Full PDB file with SEQRES, HELIX, SHEET, SSBOND, CRYST1, ORIGX, SCALE, CONECT and MASTER records, all heavy atoms in Angstrom:
SEQRES   1 A   36  ARG MET ALA TRP PHE ARG GLN ALA PRO GLY LYS GLU ARG          
SEQRES   2 A   36  ASP PHE VAL ALA ALA ILE THR VAL GLY GLY ARG ALA THR          
SEQRES   3 A   36  TYR TYR ALA ASP SER VAL LYS GLY ARG PHE                      
SHEET    1 AA1 3 MET A   2  GLN A   7  0                                        
SHEET    2 AA1 3 ARG A  13  ILE A  19 -1                                        
SHEET    3 AA1 3 THR A  26  TYR A  28 -1                                        
CRYST1    1.000    1.000    1.000  90.00  90.00  90.00 P 1           1          
ORIGX1      1.000000  0.000000  0.000000        0.00000                         
ORIGX2      0.000000  1.000000  0.000000        0.00000                         
ORIGX3      0.000000  0.000000  1.000000        0.00000                         
SCALE1      1.000000  0.000000  0.000000        0.00000                         
SCALE2      0.000000  1.000000  0.000000        0.00000                         
SCALE3      0.000000  0.000000  1.000000        0.00000                         
ATOM      1  N   ARG A   1      -0.156  -1.111 -64.907  1.00  0.00           N  
ATOM      2  CA  ARG A   1      -0.299   0.334 -64.838  1.00  0.00           C  
ATOM      3  C   ARG A   1      -0.645   0.824 -66.241  1.00  0.00           C  
ATOM      4  O   ARG A   1      -0.183   0.271 -67.231  1.00  0.00           O  
ATOM      5  CB  ARG A   1       1.011   0.979 -64.378  1.00  0.00           C  
ATOM      6  CG  ARG A   1       1.356   0.677 -62.930  1.00  0.00           C  
ATOM      7  CD  ARG A   1       2.694   1.246 -62.564  1.00  0.00           C  
ATOM      8  NE  ARG A   1       3.064   0.908 -61.195  1.00  0.00           N  
ATOM      9  CZ  ARG A   1       4.272   1.101 -60.683  1.00  0.00           C  
ATOM     10  NH1 ARG A   1       5.243   1.639 -61.426  1.00  0.00           N  
ATOM     11  NH2 ARG A   1       4.523   0.760 -59.436  1.00  0.00           N  
ATOM     12  N   MET A   2      -1.423   1.893 -66.307  1.00  0.00           N  
ATOM     13  CA  MET A   2      -1.878   2.417 -67.590  1.00  0.00           C  
ATOM     14  C   MET A   2      -1.567   3.909 -67.702  1.00  0.00           C  
ATOM     15  O   MET A   2      -1.432   4.599 -66.675  1.00  0.00           O  
ATOM     16  CB  MET A   2      -3.374   2.195 -67.747  1.00  0.00           C  
ATOM     17  CG  MET A   2      -3.828   0.753 -67.680  1.00  0.00           C  
ATOM     18  SD  MET A   2      -3.186  -0.252 -69.035  1.00  0.00           S  
ATOM     19  CE  MET A   2      -3.987   0.535 -70.446  1.00  0.00           C  
ATOM     20  N   ALA A   3      -1.501   4.371 -68.934  1.00  0.00           N  
ATOM     21  CA  ALA A   3      -1.181   5.781 -69.145  1.00  0.00           C  
ATOM     22  C   ALA A   3      -1.750   6.251 -70.476  1.00  0.00           C  
ATOM     23  O   ALA A   3      -2.087   5.445 -71.354  1.00  0.00           O  
ATOM     24  CB  ALA A   3       0.324   6.004 -69.119  1.00  0.00           C  
ATOM     25  N   TRP A   4      -1.873   7.559 -70.588  1.00  0.00           N  
ATOM     26  CA  TRP A   4      -2.193   8.228 -71.839  1.00  0.00           C  
ATOM     27  C   TRP A   4      -0.996   9.101 -72.238  1.00  0.00           C  
ATOM     28  O   TRP A   4      -0.420   9.795 -71.403  1.00  0.00           O  
ATOM     29  CB  TRP A   4      -3.426   9.115 -71.696  1.00  0.00           C  
ATOM     30  CG  TRP A   4      -4.702   8.377 -71.540  1.00  0.00           C  
ATOM     31  CD1 TRP A   4      -5.351   8.073 -70.369  1.00  0.00           C  
ATOM     32  CD2 TRP A   4      -5.521   7.841 -72.586  1.00  0.00           C  
ATOM     33  NE1 TRP A   4      -6.503   7.385 -70.631  1.00  0.00           N  
ATOM     34  CE2 TRP A   4      -6.643   7.225 -71.976  1.00  0.00           C  
ATOM     35  CE3 TRP A   4      -5.429   7.817 -73.988  1.00  0.00           C  
ATOM     36  CZ2 TRP A   4      -7.643   6.607 -72.716  1.00  0.00           C  
ATOM     37  CZ3 TRP A   4      -6.424   7.205 -74.714  1.00  0.00           C  
ATOM     38  CH2 TRP A   4      -7.517   6.608 -74.083  1.00  0.00           C  
ATOM     39  N   PHE A   5      -0.668   9.030 -73.530  1.00  0.00           N  
ATOM     40  CA  PHE A   5       0.320   9.912 -74.136  1.00  0.00           C  
ATOM     41  C   PHE A   5      -0.344  10.604 -75.317  1.00  0.00           C  
ATOM     42  O   PHE A   5      -1.409  10.186 -75.778  1.00  0.00           O  
ATOM     43  CB  PHE A   5       1.532   9.107 -74.629  1.00  0.00           C  
ATOM     44  CG  PHE A   5       2.428   8.599 -73.525  1.00  0.00           C  
ATOM     45  CD1 PHE A   5       2.075   7.517 -72.747  1.00  0.00           C  
ATOM     46  CD2 PHE A   5       3.637   9.237 -73.272  1.00  0.00           C  
ATOM     47  CE1 PHE A   5       2.889   7.050 -71.725  1.00  0.00           C  
ATOM     48  CE2 PHE A   5       4.483   8.778 -72.257  1.00  0.00           C  
ATOM     49  CZ  PHE A   5       4.104   7.696 -71.492  1.00  0.00           C  
ATOM     50  N   ARG A   6       0.294  11.642 -75.828  1.00  0.00           N  
ATOM     51  CA  ARG A   6      -0.237  12.307 -77.032  1.00  0.00           C  
ATOM     52  C   ARG A   6       0.906  12.778 -77.903  1.00  0.00           C  
ATOM     53  O   ARG A   6       2.014  13.040 -77.409  1.00  0.00           O  
ATOM     54  CB  ARG A   6      -1.154  13.462 -76.657  1.00  0.00           C  
ATOM     55  CG  ARG A   6      -0.460  14.630 -75.976  1.00  0.00           C  
ATOM     56  CD  ARG A   6      -1.494  15.654 -75.514  1.00  0.00           C  
ATOM     57  NE  ARG A   6      -0.892  16.818 -74.880  1.00  0.00           N  
ATOM     58  CZ  ARG A   6      -1.583  17.798 -74.305  1.00  0.00           C  
ATOM     59  NH1 ARG A   6      -2.926  17.745 -74.301  1.00  0.00           N  
ATOM     60  NH2 ARG A   6      -0.958  18.816 -73.752  1.00  0.00           N  
ATOM     61  N   GLN A   7       0.618  12.883 -79.198  1.00  0.00           N  
ATOM     62  CA  GLN A   7       1.631  13.324 -80.138  1.00  0.00           C  
ATOM     63  C   GLN A   7       0.996  14.285 -81.143  1.00  0.00           C  
ATOM     64  O   GLN A   7       0.092  13.892 -81.885  1.00  0.00           O  
ATOM     65  CB  GLN A   7       2.259  12.139 -80.869  1.00  0.00           C  
ATOM     66  CG  GLN A   7       3.447  12.511 -81.729  1.00  0.00           C  
ATOM     67  CD  GLN A   7       4.238  11.299 -82.174  1.00  0.00           C  
ATOM     68  OE1 GLN A   7       3.758  10.167 -82.157  1.00  0.00           O  
ATOM     69  NE2 GLN A   7       5.482  11.513 -82.572  1.00  0.00           N  
ATOM     70  N   ALA A   8       1.478  15.510 -81.118  1.00  0.00           N  
ATOM     71  CA  ALA A   8       1.029  16.521 -82.090  1.00  0.00           C  
ATOM     72  C   ALA A   8       1.897  16.422 -83.338  1.00  0.00           C  
ATOM     73  O   ALA A   8       3.025  15.910 -83.287  1.00  0.00           O  
ATOM     74  CB  ALA A   8       1.135  17.902 -81.454  1.00  0.00           C  
ATOM     75  N   PRO A   9       1.404  16.924 -84.477  1.00  0.00           N  
ATOM     76  CA  PRO A   9       2.171  16.849 -85.719  1.00  0.00           C  
ATOM     77  C   PRO A   9       3.539  17.503 -85.580  1.00  0.00           C  
ATOM     78  O   PRO A   9       3.654  18.625 -85.081  1.00  0.00           O  
ATOM     79  CB  PRO A   9       1.292  17.612 -86.710  1.00  0.00           C  
ATOM     80  CG  PRO A   9      -0.073  17.488 -86.191  1.00  0.00           C  
ATOM     81  CD  PRO A   9       0.056  17.503 -84.691  1.00  0.00           C  
ATOM     82  N   GLY A  10       4.571  16.764 -85.975  1.00  0.00           N  
ATOM     83  CA  GLY A  10       5.918  17.301 -85.935  1.00  0.00           C  
ATOM     84  C   GLY A  10       6.557  17.354 -84.574  1.00  0.00           C  
ATOM     85  O   GLY A  10       7.655  17.907 -84.413  1.00  0.00           O  
ATOM     86  N   LYS A  11       5.885  16.796 -83.573  1.00  0.00           N  
ATOM     87  CA  LYS A  11       6.427  16.838 -82.205  1.00  0.00           C  
ATOM     88  C   LYS A  11       6.609  15.426 -81.649  1.00  0.00           C  
ATOM     89  O   LYS A  11       6.097  14.454 -82.207  1.00  0.00           O  
ATOM     90  CB  LYS A  11       5.493  17.639 -81.293  1.00  0.00           C  
ATOM     91  CG  LYS A  11       5.398  19.104 -81.676  1.00  0.00           C  
ATOM     92  CD  LYS A  11       4.621  19.887 -80.639  1.00  0.00           C  
ATOM     93  CE  LYS A  11       4.595  21.369 -81.003  1.00  0.00           C  
ATOM     94  NZ  LYS A  11       3.847  22.155 -79.975  1.00  0.00           N  
ATOM     95  N   GLU A  12       7.335  15.330 -80.549  1.00  0.00           N  
ATOM     96  CA  GLU A  12       7.547  14.050 -79.910  1.00  0.00           C  
ATOM     97  C   GLU A  12       6.291  13.622 -79.144  1.00  0.00           C  
ATOM     98  O   GLU A  12       5.419  14.430 -78.844  1.00  0.00           O  
ATOM     99  CB  GLU A  12       8.731  14.144 -78.942  1.00  0.00           C  
ATOM    100  CG  GLU A  12      10.061  14.390 -79.633  1.00  0.00           C  
ATOM    101  CD  GLU A  12      11.210  14.366 -78.650  1.00  0.00           C  
ATOM    102  OE1 GLU A  12      10.969  14.326 -77.438  1.00  0.00           O  
ATOM    103  OE2 GLU A  12      12.371  14.391 -79.115  1.00  0.00           O  
ATOM    104  N   ARG A  13       6.231  12.334 -78.827  1.00  0.00           N  
ATOM    105  CA  ARG A  13       5.133  11.822 -78.041  1.00  0.00           C  
ATOM    106  C   ARG A  13       5.317  12.257 -76.591  1.00  0.00           C  
ATOM    107  O   ARG A  13       6.366  12.014 -75.986  1.00  0.00           O  
ATOM    108  CB  ARG A  13       5.084  10.302 -78.150  1.00  0.00           C  
ATOM    109  CG  ARG A  13       3.845   9.686 -77.556  1.00  0.00           C  
ATOM    110  CD  ARG A  13       3.748   8.203 -77.921  1.00  0.00           C  
ATOM    111  NE  ARG A  13       3.618   8.010 -79.358  1.00  0.00           N  
ATOM    112  CZ  ARG A  13       3.356   6.826 -79.922  1.00  0.00           C  
ATOM    113  NH1 ARG A  13       3.205   5.754 -79.149  1.00  0.00           N  
ATOM    114  NH2 ARG A  13       3.271   6.713 -81.217  1.00  0.00           N  
ATOM    115  N   ASP A  14       4.305  12.895 -76.023  1.00  0.00           N  
ATOM    116  CA  ASP A  14       4.374  13.451 -74.675  1.00  0.00           C  
ATOM    117  C   ASP A  14       3.465  12.713 -73.708  1.00  0.00           C  
ATOM    118  O   ASP A  14       2.358  12.301 -74.058  1.00  0.00           O  
ATOM    119  CB  ASP A  14       3.970  14.931 -74.676  1.00  0.00           C  
ATOM    120  CG  ASP A  14       4.988  15.813 -75.361  1.00  0.00           C  
ATOM    121  OD1 ASP A  14       6.184  15.458 -75.381  1.00  0.00           O  
ATOM    122  OD2 ASP A  14       4.574  16.867 -75.884  1.00  0.00           O  
ATOM    123  N   PHE A  15       3.918  12.637 -72.483  1.00  0.00           N  
ATOM    124  CA  PHE A  15       3.124  12.054 -71.406  1.00  0.00           C  
ATOM    125  C   PHE A  15       1.947  12.944 -71.065  1.00  0.00           C  
ATOM    126  O   PHE A  15       2.073  14.178 -71.025  1.00  0.00           O  
ATOM    127  CB  PHE A  15       4.017  11.856 -70.180  1.00  0.00           C  
ATOM    128  CG  PHE A  15       3.283  11.479 -68.925  1.00  0.00           C  
ATOM    129  CD1 PHE A  15       2.790  10.198 -68.750  1.00  0.00           C  
ATOM    130  CD2 PHE A  15       3.063  12.406 -67.929  1.00  0.00           C  
ATOM    131  CE1 PHE A  15       2.124   9.845 -67.600  1.00  0.00           C  
ATOM    132  CE2 PHE A  15       2.398  12.074 -66.769  1.00  0.00           C  
ATOM    133  CZ  PHE A  15       1.924  10.783 -66.601  1.00  0.00           C  
ATOM    134  N   VAL A  16       0.793  12.337 -70.790  1.00  0.00           N  
ATOM    135  CA  VAL A  16      -0.396  13.075 -70.372  1.00  0.00           C  
ATOM    136  C   VAL A  16      -0.799  12.717 -68.952  1.00  0.00           C  
ATOM    137  O   VAL A  16      -0.913  13.580 -68.096  1.00  0.00           O  
ATOM    138  CB  VAL A  16      -1.574  12.797 -71.337  1.00  0.00           C  
ATOM    139  CG1 VAL A  16      -2.844  13.476 -70.827  1.00  0.00           C  
ATOM    140  CG2 VAL A  16      -1.240  13.262 -72.747  1.00  0.00           C  
ATOM    141  N   ALA A  17      -1.022  11.420 -68.699  1.00  0.00           N  
ATOM    142  CA  ALA A  17      -1.488  10.991 -67.381  1.00  0.00           C  
ATOM    143  C   ALA A  17      -1.233   9.505 -67.189  1.00  0.00           C  
ATOM    144  O   ALA A  17      -1.153   8.760 -68.177  1.00  0.00           O  
ATOM    145  CB  ALA A  17      -2.980  11.279 -67.218  1.00  0.00           C  
ATOM    146  N   ALA A  18      -1.127   9.082 -65.937  1.00  0.00           N  
ATOM    147  CA  ALA A  18      -0.931   7.678 -65.624  1.00  0.00           C  
ATOM    148  C   ALA A  18      -1.758   7.297 -64.404  1.00  0.00           C  
ATOM    149  O   ALA A  18      -2.127   8.164 -63.590  1.00  0.00           O  
ATOM    150  CB  ALA A  18       0.552   7.379 -65.378  1.00  0.00           C  
ATOM    151  N   ILE A  19      -2.006   5.999 -64.264  1.00  0.00           N  
ATOM    152  CA  ILE A  19      -2.823   5.500 -63.157  1.00  0.00           C  
ATOM    153  C   ILE A  19      -2.286   4.154 -62.713  1.00  0.00           C  
ATOM    154  O   ILE A  19      -1.811   3.360 -63.519  1.00  0.00           O  
ATOM    155  CB  ILE A  19      -4.311   5.410 -63.591  1.00  0.00           C  
ATOM    156  CG1 ILE A  19      -5.218   5.144 -62.393  1.00  0.00           C  
ATOM    157  CG2 ILE A  19      -4.500   4.364 -64.683  1.00  0.00           C  
ATOM    158  CD1 ILE A  19      -6.708   5.365 -62.712  1.00  0.00           C  
ATOM    159  N   THR A  20      -2.349   3.931 -61.398  1.00  0.00           N  
ATOM    160  CA  THR A  20      -1.846   2.669 -60.866  1.00  0.00           C  
ATOM    161  C   THR A  20      -2.816   1.524 -61.124  1.00  0.00           C  
ATOM    162  O   THR A  20      -3.919   1.716 -61.629  1.00  0.00           O  
ATOM    163  CB  THR A  20      -1.615   2.789 -59.342  1.00  0.00           C  
ATOM    164  OG1 THR A  20      -2.809   3.290 -58.716  1.00  0.00           O  
ATOM    165  CG2 THR A  20      -0.455   3.734 -59.041  1.00  0.00           C  
ATOM    166  N   VAL A  21      -2.398   0.325 -60.754  1.00  0.00           N  
ATOM    167  CA  VAL A  21      -3.155  -0.887 -61.013  1.00  0.00           C  
ATOM    168  C   VAL A  21      -4.582  -0.789 -60.444  1.00  0.00           C  
ATOM    169  O   VAL A  21      -5.556  -1.073 -61.127  1.00  0.00           O  
ATOM    170  CB  VAL A  21      -2.412  -2.098 -60.424  1.00  0.00           C  
ATOM    171  CG1 VAL A  21      -3.300  -3.320 -60.378  1.00  0.00           C  
ATOM    172  CG2 VAL A  21      -1.152  -2.399 -61.215  1.00  0.00           C  
ATOM    173  N   GLY A  22      -4.687  -0.357 -59.196  1.00  0.00           N  
ATOM    174  CA  GLY A  22      -5.992  -0.287 -58.547  1.00  0.00           C  
ATOM    175  C   GLY A  22      -6.715   1.021 -58.775  1.00  0.00           C  
ATOM    176  O   GLY A  22      -7.886   1.158 -58.372  1.00  0.00           O  
ATOM    177  N   GLY A  23      -6.037   1.985 -59.385  1.00  0.00           N  
ATOM    178  CA  GLY A  23      -6.661   3.266 -59.664  1.00  0.00           C  
ATOM    179  C   GLY A  23      -6.646   4.262 -58.537  1.00  0.00           C  
ATOM    180  O   GLY A  23      -7.232   5.346 -58.632  1.00  0.00           O  
ATOM    181  N   ARG A  24      -5.932   3.922 -57.439  1.00  0.00           N  
ATOM    182  CA  ARG A  24      -5.963   4.825 -56.288  1.00  0.00           C  
ATOM    183  C   ARG A  24      -4.966   5.974 -56.401  1.00  0.00           C  
ATOM    184  O   ARG A  24      -5.072   6.963 -55.674  1.00  0.00           O  
ATOM    185  CB  ARG A  24      -5.713   4.031 -55.000  1.00  0.00           C  
ATOM    186  CG  ARG A  24      -6.917   3.231 -54.562  1.00  0.00           C  
ATOM    187  CD  ARG A  24      -6.619   2.365 -53.352  1.00  0.00           C  
ATOM    188  NE  ARG A  24      -5.755   1.234 -53.704  1.00  0.00           N  
ATOM    189  CZ  ARG A  24      -5.416   0.292 -52.845  1.00  0.00           C  
ATOM    190  NH1 ARG A  24      -5.836   0.333 -51.618  1.00  0.00           N  
ATOM    191  NH2 ARG A  24      -4.645  -0.708 -53.239  1.00  0.00           N  
ATOM    192  N   ALA A  25      -4.004   5.846 -57.286  1.00  0.00           N  
ATOM    193  CA  ALA A  25      -3.032   6.920 -57.477  1.00  0.00           C  
ATOM    194  C   ALA A  25      -2.979   7.308 -58.948  1.00  0.00           C  
ATOM    195  O   ALA A  25      -3.034   6.452 -59.832  1.00  0.00           O  
ATOM    196  CB  ALA A  25      -1.649   6.493 -56.994  1.00  0.00           C  
ATOM    197  N   THR A  26      -2.883   8.613 -59.191  1.00  0.00           N  
ATOM    198  CA  THR A  26      -2.787   9.137 -60.552  1.00  0.00           C  
ATOM    199  C   THR A  26      -1.675  10.174 -60.632  1.00  0.00           C  
ATOM    200  O   THR A  26      -1.232  10.705 -59.604  1.00  0.00           O  
ATOM    201  CB  THR A  26      -4.119   9.793 -60.976  1.00  0.00           C  
ATOM    202  OG1 THR A  26      -4.464  10.809 -60.028  1.00  0.00           O  
ATOM    203  CG2 THR A  26      -5.233   8.768 -61.063  1.00  0.00           C  
ATOM    204  N   TYR A  27      -1.265  10.448 -61.836  1.00  0.00           N  
ATOM    205  CA  TYR A  27      -0.164  11.383 -62.062  1.00  0.00           C  
ATOM    206  C   TYR A  27      -0.418  12.070 -63.389  1.00  0.00           C  
ATOM    207  O   TYR A  27      -0.780  11.418 -64.366  1.00  0.00           O  
ATOM    208  CB  TYR A  27       1.144  10.577 -62.086  1.00  0.00           C  
ATOM    209  CG  TYR A  27       2.399  11.365 -62.344  1.00  0.00           C  
ATOM    210  CD1 TYR A  27       2.714  12.503 -61.605  1.00  0.00           C  
ATOM    211  CD2 TYR A  27       3.323  10.947 -63.305  1.00  0.00           C  
ATOM    212  CE1 TYR A  27       3.876  13.202 -61.842  1.00  0.00           C  
ATOM    213  CE2 TYR A  27       4.484  11.652 -63.534  1.00  0.00           C  
ATOM    214  CZ  TYR A  27       4.765  12.778 -62.800  1.00  0.00           C  
ATOM    215  OH  TYR A  27       5.932  13.464 -63.014  1.00  0.00           O  
ATOM    216  N   TYR A  28      -0.244  13.418 -63.413  1.00  0.00           N  
ATOM    217  CA  TYR A  28      -0.576  14.187 -64.591  1.00  0.00           C  
ATOM    218  C   TYR A  28       0.582  15.073 -65.025  1.00  0.00           C  
ATOM    219  O   TYR A  28       1.340  15.582 -64.207  1.00  0.00           O  
ATOM    220  CB  TYR A  28      -1.783  15.093 -64.312  1.00  0.00           C  
ATOM    221  CG  TYR A  28      -3.051  14.335 -64.017  1.00  0.00           C  
ATOM    222  CD1 TYR A  28      -3.409  14.019 -62.716  1.00  0.00           C  
ATOM    223  CD2 TYR A  28      -3.897  13.941 -65.050  1.00  0.00           C  
ATOM    224  CE1 TYR A  28      -4.577  13.319 -62.436  1.00  0.00           C  
ATOM    225  CE2 TYR A  28      -5.066  13.244 -64.791  1.00  0.00           C  
ATOM    226  CZ  TYR A  28      -5.399  12.932 -63.479  1.00  0.00           C  
ATOM    227  OH  TYR A  28      -6.556  12.241 -63.218  1.00  0.00           O  
ATOM    228  N   ALA A  29       0.629  15.315 -66.320  1.00  0.00           N  
ATOM    229  CA  ALA A  29       1.518  16.346 -66.825  1.00  0.00           C  
ATOM    230  C   ALA A  29       0.979  17.701 -66.376  1.00  0.00           C  
ATOM    231  O   ALA A  29      -0.238  17.889 -66.243  1.00  0.00           O  
ATOM    232  CB  ALA A  29       1.580  16.291 -68.348  1.00  0.00           C  
ATOM    233  N   ASP A  30       1.882  18.645 -66.137  1.00  0.00           N  
ATOM    234  CA  ASP A  30       1.471  19.963 -65.675  1.00  0.00           C  
ATOM    235  C   ASP A  30       0.502  20.626 -66.646  1.00  0.00           C  
ATOM    236  O   ASP A  30      -0.390  21.367 -66.234  1.00  0.00           O  
ATOM    237  CB  ASP A  30       2.687  20.859 -65.476  1.00  0.00           C  
ATOM    238  CG  ASP A  30       3.514  20.463 -64.263  1.00  0.00           C  
ATOM    239  OD1 ASP A  30       2.996  19.723 -63.398  1.00  0.00           O  
ATOM    240  OD2 ASP A  30       4.669  20.882 -64.184  1.00  0.00           O  
ATOM    241  N   SER A  31       0.658  20.357 -67.927  1.00  0.00           N  
ATOM    242  CA  SER A  31      -0.141  21.028 -68.953  1.00  0.00           C  
ATOM    243  C   SER A  31      -1.623  20.618 -68.907  1.00  0.00           C  
ATOM    244  O   SER A  31      -2.466  21.323 -69.471  1.00  0.00           O  
ATOM    245  CB  SER A  31       0.437  20.740 -70.339  1.00  0.00           C  
ATOM    246  OG  SER A  31       0.455  19.342 -70.571  1.00  0.00           O  
ATOM    247  N   VAL A  32      -1.936  19.487 -68.284  1.00  0.00           N  
ATOM    248  CA  VAL A  32      -3.327  19.019 -68.247  1.00  0.00           C  
ATOM    249  C   VAL A  32      -3.891  18.946 -66.846  1.00  0.00           C  
ATOM    250  O   VAL A  32      -5.083  18.656 -66.666  1.00  0.00           O  
ATOM    251  CB  VAL A  32      -3.475  17.647 -68.939  1.00  0.00           C  
ATOM    252  CG1 VAL A  32      -2.901  17.698 -70.352  1.00  0.00           C  
ATOM    253  CG2 VAL A  32      -2.832  16.541 -68.113  1.00  0.00           C  
ATOM    254  N   LYS A  33      -3.064  19.192 -65.851  1.00  0.00           N  
ATOM    255  CA  LYS A  33      -3.493  19.065 -64.455  1.00  0.00           C  
ATOM    256  C   LYS A  33      -4.667  20.000 -64.190  1.00  0.00           C  
ATOM    257  O   LYS A  33      -4.653  21.170 -64.562  1.00  0.00           O  
ATOM    258  CB  LYS A  33      -2.324  19.387 -63.547  1.00  0.00           C  
ATOM    259  CG  LYS A  33      -2.427  18.826 -62.149  1.00  0.00           C  
ATOM    260  CD  LYS A  33      -1.141  19.060 -61.373  1.00  0.00           C  
ATOM    261  CE  LYS A  33       0.023  18.305 -61.979  1.00  0.00           C  
ATOM    262  NZ  LYS A  33       1.269  18.473 -61.201  1.00  0.00           N  
ATOM    263  N   GLY A  34      -5.724  19.462 -63.571  1.00  0.00           N  
ATOM    264  CA  GLY A  34      -6.916  20.257 -63.265  1.00  0.00           C  
ATOM    265  C   GLY A  34      -7.934  20.275 -64.384  1.00  0.00           C  
ATOM    266  O   GLY A  34      -9.070  20.705 -64.172  1.00  0.00           O  
ATOM    267  N   ARG A  35      -7.554  19.808 -65.569  1.00  0.00           N  
ATOM    268  CA  ARG A  35      -8.494  19.775 -66.707  1.00  0.00           C  
ATOM    269  C   ARG A  35      -8.811  18.345 -67.139  1.00  0.00           C  
ATOM    270  O   ARG A  35      -9.925  18.074 -67.591  1.00  0.00           O  
ATOM    271  CB  ARG A  35      -7.904  20.521 -67.903  1.00  0.00           C  
ATOM    272  CG  ARG A  35      -7.619  21.990 -67.645  1.00  0.00           C  
ATOM    273  CD  ARG A  35      -7.218  22.722 -68.911  1.00  0.00           C  
ATOM    274  NE  ARG A  35      -5.990  22.183 -69.507  1.00  0.00           N  
ATOM    275  CZ  ARG A  35      -5.902  21.706 -70.739  1.00  0.00           C  
ATOM    276  NH1 ARG A  35      -6.956  21.687 -71.530  1.00  0.00           N  
ATOM    277  NH2 ARG A  35      -4.748  21.250 -71.213  1.00  0.00           N  
ATOM    278  N   PHE A  36      -7.855  17.448 -67.043  1.00  0.00           N  
ATOM    279  CA  PHE A  36      -8.018  16.053 -67.470  1.00  0.00           C  
ATOM    280  C   PHE A  36      -8.091  15.150 -66.254  1.00  0.00           C  
ATOM    281  O   PHE A  36      -7.441  15.410 -65.238  1.00  0.00           O  
ATOM    282  CB  PHE A  36      -6.852  15.608 -68.333  1.00  0.00           C  
ATOM    283  CG  PHE A  36      -6.762  16.245 -69.704  1.00  0.00           C  
ATOM    284  CD1 PHE A  36      -7.560  17.315 -70.057  1.00  0.00           C  
ATOM    285  CD2 PHE A  36      -5.863  15.755 -70.641  1.00  0.00           C  
ATOM    286  CE1 PHE A  36      -7.477  17.891 -71.321  1.00  0.00           C  
ATOM    287  CE2 PHE A  36      -5.764  16.316 -71.902  1.00  0.00           C  
ATOM    288  CZ  PHE A  36      -6.562  17.395 -72.239  1.00  0.00           C  
TER     289      PHE A  36                                                      
MASTER        0    0    0    0    3    0    0    6  288    1    0    3          
END                                                                             
């Protein structure tokens, strides 16, 4: 399984999106849903 995280200066590392092994299921943080 794979994922993207991000870290802004002075902040903790936050989850962005994840994808299953075959790519058929994905999961997004609310802050990026519909844009990423």
